[in-house]
């Protein structure tokens, strides 16, 4: 298992469009991904779970990946989040 803490920087937070982009990118990996936020463990391959978490700009989250390709998955997830999902 690998994990890293990061911050949501895009203005609208982790809303529908970035959640869709994120889940689509993470679905190509065999590893599991979870987002830790406010004491909750959110499935990073579920658009509905991500949106239901209401993760706003400035929120600190921890991304946790576990599986055969965990490091590549974590690296891409962190890059997407820290680039503001291209917004």
PDB file of N, CA and C in Angstrom:
ATOM      1  N   UNK A   1       0.839  -1.187   0.000  1.00  0.00           N
ATOM      2  CA  UNK A   1       0.000   0.000   0.000  1.00  0.00           C
ATOM      3  C   UNK A   1       0.877   1.241   0.000  1.00  0.00           C
ATOM      4  N   UNK A   2       0.491   2.227  -0.817  1.00  0.00           N
ATOM      5  CA  UNK A   2       1.166   3.519  -0.860  1.00  0.00           C
ATOM      6  C   UNK A   2       0.111   4.602  -0.683  1.00  0.00           C
ATOM      7  N   UNK A   3       0.519   5.717  -0.096  1.00  0.00           N
ATOM      8  CA  UNK A   3      -0.436   6.812   0.090  1.00  0.00           C
ATOM      9  C   UNK A   3       0.295   8.143   0.106  1.00  0.00           C
ATOM     10  N   UNK A   4      -0.467   9.201  -0.127  1.00  0.00           N
ATOM     11  CA  UNK A   4       0.086  10.552  -0.094  1.00  0.00           C
ATOM     12  C   UNK A   4      -1.036  11.536   0.215  1.00  0.00           C
ATOM     13  N   UNK A   5      -0.701  12.532   1.035  1.00  0.00           N
ATOM     14  CA  UNK A   5      -1.657  13.598   1.322  1.00  0.00           C
ATOM     15  C   UNK A   5      -1.476  14.708   0.297  1.00  0.00           C
ATOM     16  N   UNK A   6      -2.582  15.304  -0.098  1.00  0.00           N
ATOM     17  CA  UNK A   6      -2.549  16.412  -1.049  1.00  0.00           C
ATOM     18  C   UNK A   6      -3.726  17.336  -0.765  1.00  0.00           C
ATOM     19  N   UNK A   7      -3.836  18.390  -1.548  1.00  0.00           N
ATOM     20  CA  UNK A   7      -4.899  19.381  -1.352  1.00  0.00           C
ATOM     21  C   UNK A   7      -5.639  19.619  -2.663  1.00  0.00           C
ATOM     22  N   UNK A   8      -6.943  19.772  -2.570  1.00  0.00           N
ATOM     23  CA  UNK A   8      -7.765  20.088  -3.741  1.00  0.00           C
ATOM     24  C   UNK A   8      -7.582  21.576  -4.053  1.00  0.00           C
ATOM     25  N   UNK A   9      -7.139  21.878  -5.276  1.00  0.00           N
ATOM     26  CA  UNK A   9      -6.849  23.282  -5.613  1.00  0.00           C
ATOM     27  C   UNK A   9      -7.830  23.907  -6.604  1.00  0.00           C
ATOM     28  N   UNK A  10      -8.600  23.090  -7.318  1.00  0.00           N
ATOM     29  CA  UNK A  10      -9.496  23.706  -8.317  1.00  0.00           C
ATOM     30  C   UNK A  10     -10.688  24.384  -7.638  1.00  0.00           C
ATOM     31  N   UNK A  11     -11.128  25.469  -8.233  1.00  0.00           N
ATOM     32  CA  UNK A  11     -12.152  26.353  -7.646  1.00  0.00           C
ATOM     33  C   UNK A  11     -13.437  25.649  -7.247  1.00  0.00           C
ATOM     34  N   UNK A  12     -13.901  24.739  -8.062  1.00  0.00           N
ATOM     35  CA  UNK A  12     -15.187  24.091  -7.811  1.00  0.00           C
ATOM     36  C   UNK A  12     -15.055  22.830  -6.954  1.00  0.00           C
ATOM     37  N   UNK A  13     -13.843  22.493  -6.541  1.00  0.00           N
ATOM     38  CA  UNK A  13     -13.647  21.288  -5.744  1.00  0.00           C
ATOM     39  C   UNK A  13     -13.708  20.034  -6.602  1.00  0.00           C
ATOM     40  N   UNK A  14     -13.950  18.910  -5.957  1.00  0.00           N
ATOM     41  CA  UNK A  14     -13.986  17.607  -6.623  1.00  0.00           C
ATOM     42  C   UNK A  14     -15.421  17.343  -7.074  1.00  0.00           C
ATOM     43  N   UNK A  15     -15.900  18.147  -8.038  1.00  0.00           N
ATOM     44  CA  UNK A  15     -17.286  18.056  -8.509  1.00  0.00           C
ATOM     45  C   UNK A  15     -17.407  17.029  -9.634  1.00  0.00           C
ATOM     46  N   UNK A  16     -18.504  17.027 -10.357  1.00  0.00           N
ATOM     47  CA  UNK A  16     -18.816  15.968 -11.312  1.00  0.00           C
ATOM     48  C   UNK A  16     -17.778  15.788 -12.425  1.00  0.00           C
ATOM     49  N   UNK A  17     -17.364  16.864 -13.080  1.00  0.00           N
ATOM     50  CA  UNK A  17     -16.428  16.708 -14.193  1.00  0.00           C
ATOM     51  C   UNK A  17     -15.091  16.125 -13.739  1.00  0.00           C
ATOM     52  N   UNK A  18     -14.447  16.701 -12.713  1.00  0.00           N
ATOM     53  CA  UNK A  18     -13.184  16.088 -12.291  1.00  0.00           C
ATOM     54  C   UNK A  18     -13.358  14.671 -11.725  1.00  0.00           C
ATOM     55  N   UNK A  19     -14.485  14.409 -11.081  1.00  0.00           N
ATOM     56  CA  UNK A  19     -14.734  13.058 -10.577  1.00  0.00           C
ATOM     57  C   UNK A  19     -14.812  12.067 -11.736  1.00  0.00           C
ATOM     58  N   UNK A  20     -15.455  12.456 -12.819  1.00  0.00           N
ATOM     59  CA  UNK A  20     -15.560  11.602 -14.002  1.00  0.00           C
ATOM     60  C   UNK A  20     -14.187  11.373 -14.632  1.00  0.00           C
ATOM     61  N   UNK A  21     -13.410  12.442 -14.785  1.00  0.00           N
ATOM     62  CA  UNK A  21     -12.069  12.334 -15.360  1.00  0.00           C
ATOM     63  C   UNK A  21     -11.193  11.427 -14.481  1.00  0.00           C
ATOM     64  N   UNK A  22     -11.282  11.637 -13.170  1.00  0.00           N
ATOM     65  CA  UNK A  22     -10.488  10.879 -12.214  1.00  0.00           C
ATOM     66  C   UNK A  22     -10.846   9.393 -12.252  1.00  0.00           C
ATOM     67  N   UNK A  23     -12.126   9.082 -12.159  1.00  0.00           N
ATOM     68  CA  UNK A  23     -12.578   7.683 -12.148  1.00  0.00           C
ATOM     69  C   UNK A  23     -12.223   6.994 -13.463  1.00  0.00           C
ATOM     70  N   UNK A  24     -12.385   7.686 -14.571  1.00  0.00           N
ATOM     71  CA  UNK A  24     -12.028   7.101 -15.873  1.00  0.00           C
ATOM     72  C   UNK A  24     -10.545   6.751 -15.918  1.00  0.00           C
ATOM     73  N   UNK A  25      -9.700   7.642 -15.425  1.00  0.00           N
ATOM     74  CA  UNK A  25      -8.254   7.398 -15.426  1.00  0.00           C
ATOM     75  C   UNK A  25      -7.874   6.280 -14.454  1.00  0.00           C
ATOM     76  N   UNK A  26      -8.493   6.230 -13.305  1.00  0.00           N
ATOM     77  CA  UNK A  26      -8.140   5.232 -12.284  1.00  0.00           C
ATOM     78  C   UNK A  26      -8.667   3.840 -12.629  1.00  0.00           C
ATOM     79  N   UNK A  27      -9.707   3.773 -13.448  1.00  0.00           N
ATOM     80  CA  UNK A  27     -10.316   2.489 -13.799  1.00  0.00           C
ATOM     81  C   UNK A  27      -9.408   1.604 -14.655  1.00  0.00           C
ATOM     82  N   UNK A  28      -8.394   2.197 -15.272  1.00  0.00           N
ATOM     83  CA  UNK A  28      -7.484   1.393 -16.097  1.00  0.00           C
ATOM     84  C   UNK A  28      -6.490   0.599 -15.252  1.00  0.00           C
ATOM     85  N   UNK A  29      -6.411   0.908 -13.958  1.00  0.00           N
ATOM     86  CA  UNK A  29      -5.496   0.212 -13.053  1.00  0.00           C
ATOM     87  C   UNK A  29      -6.212  -0.946 -12.355  1.00  0.00           C
ATOM     88  N   UNK A  30      -5.444  -1.981 -12.047  1.00  0.00           N
ATOM     89  CA  UNK A  30      -6.021  -3.120 -11.329  1.00  0.00           C
ATOM     90  C   UNK A  30      -6.061  -2.878  -9.817  1.00  0.00           C
ATOM     91  N   UNK A  31      -5.247  -1.956  -9.332  1.00  0.00           N
ATOM     92  CA  UNK A  31      -5.192  -1.669  -7.888  1.00  0.00           C
ATOM     93  C   UNK A  31      -6.466  -1.004  -7.401  1.00  0.00           C
ATOM     94  N   UNK A  32      -6.658  -1.047  -6.086  1.00  0.00           N
ATOM     95  CA  UNK A  32      -7.759  -0.320  -5.445  1.00  0.00           C
ATOM     96  C   UNK A  32      -7.269   1.071  -5.095  1.00  0.00           C
ATOM     97  N   UNK A  33      -8.176   2.041  -5.101  1.00  0.00           N
ATOM     98  CA  UNK A  33      -7.830   3.405  -4.703  1.00  0.00           C
ATOM     99  C   UNK A  33      -8.916   3.938  -3.773  1.00  0.00           C
ATOM    100  N   UNK A  34      -8.465   4.560  -2.705  1.00  0.00           N
ATOM    101  CA  UNK A  34      -9.380   5.167  -1.748  1.00  0.00           C
ATOM    102  C   UNK A  34      -8.929   6.586  -1.462  1.00  0.00           C
ATOM    103  N   UNK A  35      -9.901   7.454  -1.224  1.00  0.00           N
ATOM    104  CA  UNK A  35      -9.641   8.836  -0.836  1.00  0.00           C
ATOM    105  C   UNK A  35     -10.103   8.971   0.612  1.00  0.00           C
ATOM    106  N   UNK A  36      -9.182   9.362   1.475  1.00  0.00           N
ATOM    107  CA  UNK A  36      -9.512   9.562   2.877  1.00  0.00           C
ATOM    108  C   UNK A  36      -9.829  11.042   3.073  1.00  0.00           C
ATOM    109  N   UNK A  37     -11.053  11.322   3.557  1.00  0.00           N
ATOM    110  CA  UNK A  37     -11.491  12.703   3.734  1.00  0.00           C
ATOM    111  C   UNK A  37     -12.474  12.772   4.892  1.00  0.00           C
ATOM    112  N   UNK A  38     -12.217  13.637   5.841  1.00  0.00           N
ATOM    113  CA  UNK A  38     -13.097  13.827   7.013  1.00  0.00           C
ATOM    114  C   UNK A  38     -13.427  12.513   7.716  1.00  0.00           C
ATOM    115  N   UNK A  39     -12.438  11.651   7.840  1.00  0.00           N
ATOM    116  CA  UNK A  39     -12.647  10.387   8.533  1.00  0.00           C
ATOM    117  C   UNK A  39     -13.348   9.322   7.710  1.00  0.00           C
ATOM    118  N   UNK A  40     -13.635   9.617   6.450  1.00  0.00           N
ATOM    119  CA  UNK A  40     -14.314   8.656   5.567  1.00  0.00           C
ATOM    120  C   UNK A  40     -13.335   8.060   4.570  1.00  0.00           C
ATOM    121  N   UNK A  41     -13.558   6.811   4.211  1.00  0.00           N
ATOM    122  CA  UNK A  41     -12.766   6.114   3.201  1.00  0.00           C
ATOM    123  C   UNK A  41     -13.642   5.984   1.959  1.00  0.00           C
ATOM    124  N   UNK A  42     -13.310   6.745   0.927  1.00  0.00           N
ATOM    125  CA  UNK A  42     -14.141   6.868  -0.271  1.00  0.00           C
ATOM    126  C   UNK A  42     -13.535   6.056  -1.415  1.00  0.00           C
ATOM    127  N   UNK A  43     -14.346   5.257  -2.074  1.00  0.00           N
ATOM    128  CA  UNK A  43     -13.894   4.479  -3.223  1.00  0.00           C
ATOM    129  C   UNK A  43     -13.536   5.437  -4.360  1.00  0.00           C
ATOM    130  N   UNK A  44     -12.262   5.447  -4.756  1.00  0.00           N
ATOM    131  CA  UNK A  44     -11.787   6.341  -5.803  1.00  0.00           C
ATOM    132  C   UNK A  44     -12.158   5.922  -7.210  1.00  0.00           C
ATOM    133  N   UNK A  45     -12.870   4.805  -7.343  1.00  0.00           N
ATOM    134  CA  UNK A  45     -13.348   4.369  -8.655  1.00  0.00           C
ATOM    135  C   UNK A  45     -14.862   4.530  -8.761  1.00  0.00           C
ATOM    136  N   UNK A  46     -15.455   5.307  -7.853  1.00  0.00           N
ATOM    137  CA  UNK A  46     -16.903   5.529  -7.847  1.00  0.00           C
ATOM    138  C   UNK A  46     -17.218   7.019  -7.935  1.00  0.00           C
ATOM    139  N   UNK A  47     -17.767   7.440  -9.066  1.00  0.00           N
ATOM    140  CA  UNK A  47     -18.126   8.851  -9.248  1.00  0.00           C
ATOM    141  C   UNK A  47     -19.110   9.290  -8.165  1.00  0.00           C
ATOM    142  N   UNK A  48     -20.104   8.467  -7.903  1.00  0.00           N
ATOM    143  CA  UNK A  48     -21.132   8.840  -6.924  1.00  0.00           C
ATOM    144  C   UNK A  48     -20.552   8.994  -5.518  1.00  0.00           C
ATOM    145  N   UNK A  49     -19.656   8.096  -5.124  1.00  0.00           N
ATOM    146  CA  UNK A  49     -19.052   8.196  -3.801  1.00  0.00           C
ATOM    147  C   UNK A  49     -18.191   9.444  -3.673  1.00  0.00           C
ATOM    148  N   UNK A  50     -17.448   9.772  -4.724  1.00  0.00           N
ATOM    149  CA  UNK A  50     -16.601  10.970  -4.701  1.00  0.00           C
ATOM    150  C   UNK A  50     -17.477  12.220  -4.607  1.00  0.00           C
ATOM    151  N   UNK A  51     -18.505  12.300  -5.431  1.00  0.00           N
ATOM    152  CA  UNK A  51     -19.380  13.476  -5.405  1.00  0.00           C
ATOM    153  C   UNK A  51     -20.119  13.605  -4.080  1.00  0.00           C
ATOM    154  N   UNK A  52     -20.545  12.485  -3.511  1.00  0.00           N
ATOM    155  CA  UNK A  52     -21.277  12.504  -2.242  1.00  0.00           C
ATOM    156  C   UNK A  52     -20.413  13.004  -1.084  1.00  0.00           C
ATOM    157  N   UNK A  53     -19.092  12.919  -1.235  1.00  0.00           N
ATOM    158  CA  UNK A  53     -18.185  13.361  -0.169  1.00  0.00           C
ATOM    159  C   UNK A  53     -18.087  14.884  -0.070  1.00  0.00           C
ATOM    160  N   UNK A  54     -18.533  15.605  -1.111  1.00  0.00           N
ATOM    161  CA  UNK A  54     -18.513  17.084  -1.121  1.00  0.00           C
ATOM    162  C   UNK A  54     -17.131  17.634  -0.776  1.00  0.00           C
ATOM    163  N   UNK A  55     -16.137  17.227  -1.536  1.00  0.00           N
ATOM    164  CA  UNK A  55     -14.757  17.667  -1.291  1.00  0.00           C
ATOM    165  C   UNK A  55     -14.548  19.022  -1.971  1.00  0.00           C
ATOM    166  N   UNK A  56     -14.376  20.061  -1.174  1.00  0.00           N
ATOM    167  CA  UNK A  56     -14.287  21.444  -1.655  1.00  0.00           C
ATOM    168  C   UNK A  56     -12.837  21.878  -1.866  1.00  0.00           C
ATOM    169  N   UNK A  57     -12.666  23.012  -2.527  1.00  0.00           N
ATOM    170  CA  UNK A  57     -11.344  23.618  -2.707  1.00  0.00           C
ATOM    171  C   UNK A  57     -10.706  23.828  -1.334  1.00  0.00           C
ATOM    172  N   UNK A  58      -9.416  23.516  -1.241  1.00  0.00           N
ATOM    173  CA  UNK A  58      -8.681  23.679   0.004  1.00  0.00           C
ATOM    174  C   UNK A  58      -8.737  22.479   0.925  1.00  0.00           C
ATOM    175  N   UNK A  59      -9.557  21.488   0.574  1.00  0.00           N
ATOM    176  CA  UNK A  59      -9.657  20.281   1.402  1.00  0.00           C
ATOM    177  C   UNK A  59      -8.371  19.469   1.317  1.00  0.00           C
ATOM    178  N   UNK A  60      -7.932  18.978   2.456  1.00  0.00           N
ATOM    179  CA  UNK A  60      -6.786  18.066   2.514  1.00  0.00           C
ATOM    180  C   UNK A  60      -7.336  16.647   2.429  1.00  0.00           C
ATOM    181  N   UNK A  61      -6.784  15.877   1.506  1.00  0.00           N
ATOM    182  CA  UNK A  61      -7.200  14.487   1.348  1.00  0.00           C
ATOM    183  C   UNK A  61      -5.953  13.604   1.322  1.00  0.00           C
ATOM    184  N   UNK A  62      -6.147  12.339   1.621  1.00  0.00           N
ATOM    185  CA  UNK A  62      -5.073  11.352   1.462  1.00  0.00           C
ATOM    186  C   UNK A  62      -5.544  10.336   0.444  1.00  0.00           C
ATOM    187  N   UNK A  63      -4.710  10.115  -0.554  1.00  0.00           N
ATOM    188  CA  UNK A  63      -5.001   9.118  -1.584  1.00  0.00           C
ATOM    189  C   UNK A  63      -4.222   7.860  -1.229  1.00  0.00           C
ATOM    190  N   UNK A  64      -4.917   6.738  -1.190  1.00  0.00           N
ATOM    191  CA  UNK A  64      -4.320   5.463  -0.787  1.00  0.00           C
ATOM    192  C   UNK A  64      -4.563   4.436  -1.885  1.00  0.00           C
ATOM    193  N   UNK A  65      -3.496   3.814  -2.357  1.00  0.00           N
ATOM    194  CA  UNK A  65      -3.603   2.803  -3.413  1.00  0.00           C
ATOM    195  C   UNK A  65      -2.999   1.492  -2.933  1.00  0.00           C
ATOM    196  N   UNK A  66      -3.608   0.394  -3.354  1.00  0.00           N
ATOM    197  CA  UNK A  66      -3.139  -0.921  -2.949  1.00  0.00           C
ATOM    198  C   UNK A  66      -3.331  -1.911  -4.086  1.00  0.00           C
ATOM    199  N   UNK A  67      -2.247  -2.574  -4.482  1.00  0.00           N
ATOM    200  CA  UNK A  67      -2.339  -3.573  -5.540  1.00  0.00           C
ATOM    201  C   UNK A  67      -1.076  -3.626  -6.379  1.00  0.00           C
ATOM    202  N   UNK A  68      -1.139  -4.376  -7.468  1.00  0.00           N
ATOM    203  CA  UNK A  68       0.025  -4.638  -8.312  1.00  0.00           C
ATOM    204  C   UNK A  68       0.621  -3.381  -8.947  1.00  0.00           C
ATOM    205  N   UNK A  69      -0.223  -2.425  -9.319  1.00  0.00           N
ATOM    206  CA  UNK A  69       0.264  -1.210  -9.985  1.00  0.00           C
ATOM    207  C   UNK A  69       0.003   0.031  -9.132  1.00  0.00           C
ATOM    208  N   UNK A  70       0.101  -0.149  -7.811  1.00  0.00           N
ATOM    209  CA  UNK A  70      -0.263   0.915  -6.865  1.00  0.00           C
ATOM    210  C   UNK A  70       0.549   2.193  -7.035  1.00  0.00           C
ATOM    211  N   UNK A  71       1.865   2.093  -7.263  1.00  0.00           N
ATOM    212  CA  UNK A  71       2.674   3.308  -7.341  1.00  0.00           C
ATOM    213  C   UNK A  71       2.336   4.131  -8.582  1.00  0.00           C
ATOM    214  N   UNK A  72       2.163   3.475  -9.719  1.00  0.00           N
ATOM    215  CA  UNK A  72       1.792   4.189 -10.946  1.00  0.00           C
ATOM    216  C   UNK A  72       0.427   4.845 -10.781  1.00  0.00           C
ATOM    217  N   UNK A  73      -0.488   4.135 -10.140  1.00  0.00           N
ATOM    218  CA  UNK A  73      -1.827   4.664  -9.898  1.00  0.00           C
ATOM    219  C   UNK A  73      -1.766   5.900  -8.996  1.00  0.00           C
ATOM    220  N   UNK A  74      -1.020   5.788  -7.900  1.00  0.00           N
ATOM    221  CA  UNK A  74      -0.888   6.919  -6.974  1.00  0.00           C
ATOM    222  C   UNK A  74      -0.251   8.113  -7.668  1.00  0.00           C
ATOM    223  N   UNK A  75       0.804   7.883  -8.434  1.00  0.00           N
ATOM    224  CA  UNK A  75       1.489   8.978  -9.132  1.00  0.00           C
ATOM    225  C   UNK A  75       0.538   9.721 -10.057  1.00  0.00           C
ATOM    226  N   UNK A  76      -0.268   8.981 -10.835  1.00  0.00           N
ATOM    227  CA  UNK A  76      -1.208   9.630 -11.757  1.00  0.00           C
ATOM    228  C   UNK A  76      -2.318  10.353 -10.993  1.00  0.00           C
ATOM    229  N   UNK A  77      -2.816   9.735  -9.934  1.00  0.00           N
ATOM    230  CA  UNK A  77      -3.887  10.358  -9.141  1.00  0.00           C
ATOM    231  C   UNK A  77      -3.417  11.681  -8.542  1.00  0.00           C
ATOM    232  N   UNK A  78      -2.240  11.682  -7.957  1.00  0.00           N
ATOM    233  CA  UNK A  78      -1.707  12.905  -7.336  1.00  0.00           C
ATOM    234  C   UNK A  78      -1.453  13.972  -8.391  1.00  0.00           C
ATOM    235  N   UNK A  79      -0.919  13.582  -9.530  1.00  0.00           N
ATOM    236  CA  UNK A  79      -0.667  14.553 -10.610  1.00  0.00           C
ATOM    237  C   UNK A  79      -1.968  15.195 -11.066  1.00  0.00           C
ATOM    238  N   UNK A  80      -3.021  14.399 -11.209  1.00  0.00           N
ATOM    239  CA  UNK A  80      -4.313  14.934 -11.641  1.00  0.00           C
ATOM    240  C   UNK A  80      -4.861  15.925 -10.617  1.00  0.00           C
ATOM    241  N   UNK A  81      -4.820  15.545  -9.350  1.00  0.00           N
ATOM    242  CA  UNK A  81      -5.368  16.380  -8.295  1.00  0.00           C
ATOM    243  C   UNK A  81      -4.581  17.680  -8.175  1.00  0.00           C
ATOM    244  N   UNK A  82      -3.246  17.583  -8.165  1.00  0.00           N
ATOM    245  CA  UNK A  82      -2.403  18.766  -7.978  1.00  0.00           C
ATOM    246  C   UNK A  82      -2.374  19.678  -9.192  1.00  0.00           C
ATOM    247  N   UNK A  83      -2.824  19.186 -10.352  1.00  0.00           N
ATOM    248  CA  UNK A  83      -2.924  20.046 -11.536  1.00  0.00           C
ATOM    249  C   UNK A  83      -4.315  20.663 -11.656  1.00  0.00           C
ATOM    250  N   UNK A  84      -5.194  20.385 -10.677  1.00  0.00           N
ATOM    251  CA  UNK A  84      -6.550  20.935 -10.697  1.00  0.00           C
ATOM    252  C   UNK A  84      -7.434  20.266 -11.726  1.00  0.00           C
ATOM    253  N   UNK A  85      -7.107  19.029 -12.087  1.00  0.00           N
ATOM    254  CA  UNK A  85      -7.895  18.261 -13.054  1.00  0.00           C
ATOM    255  C   UNK A  85      -8.006  18.965 -14.404  1.00  0.00           C
ATOM    256  N   UNK A  86      -7.015  19.798 -14.722  1.00  0.00           N
ATOM    257  CA  UNK A  86      -6.999  20.496 -16.007  1.00  0.00           C
ATOM    258  C   UNK A  86      -7.986  21.652 -16.105  1.00  0.00           C
ATOM    259  N   UNK A  87      -8.545  22.080 -14.975  1.00  0.00           N
ATOM    260  CA  UNK A  87      -9.509  23.187 -15.007  1.00  0.00           C
ATOM    261  C   UNK A  87      -8.810  24.520 -14.887  1.00  0.00           C
TER     262      UNK A  87
END
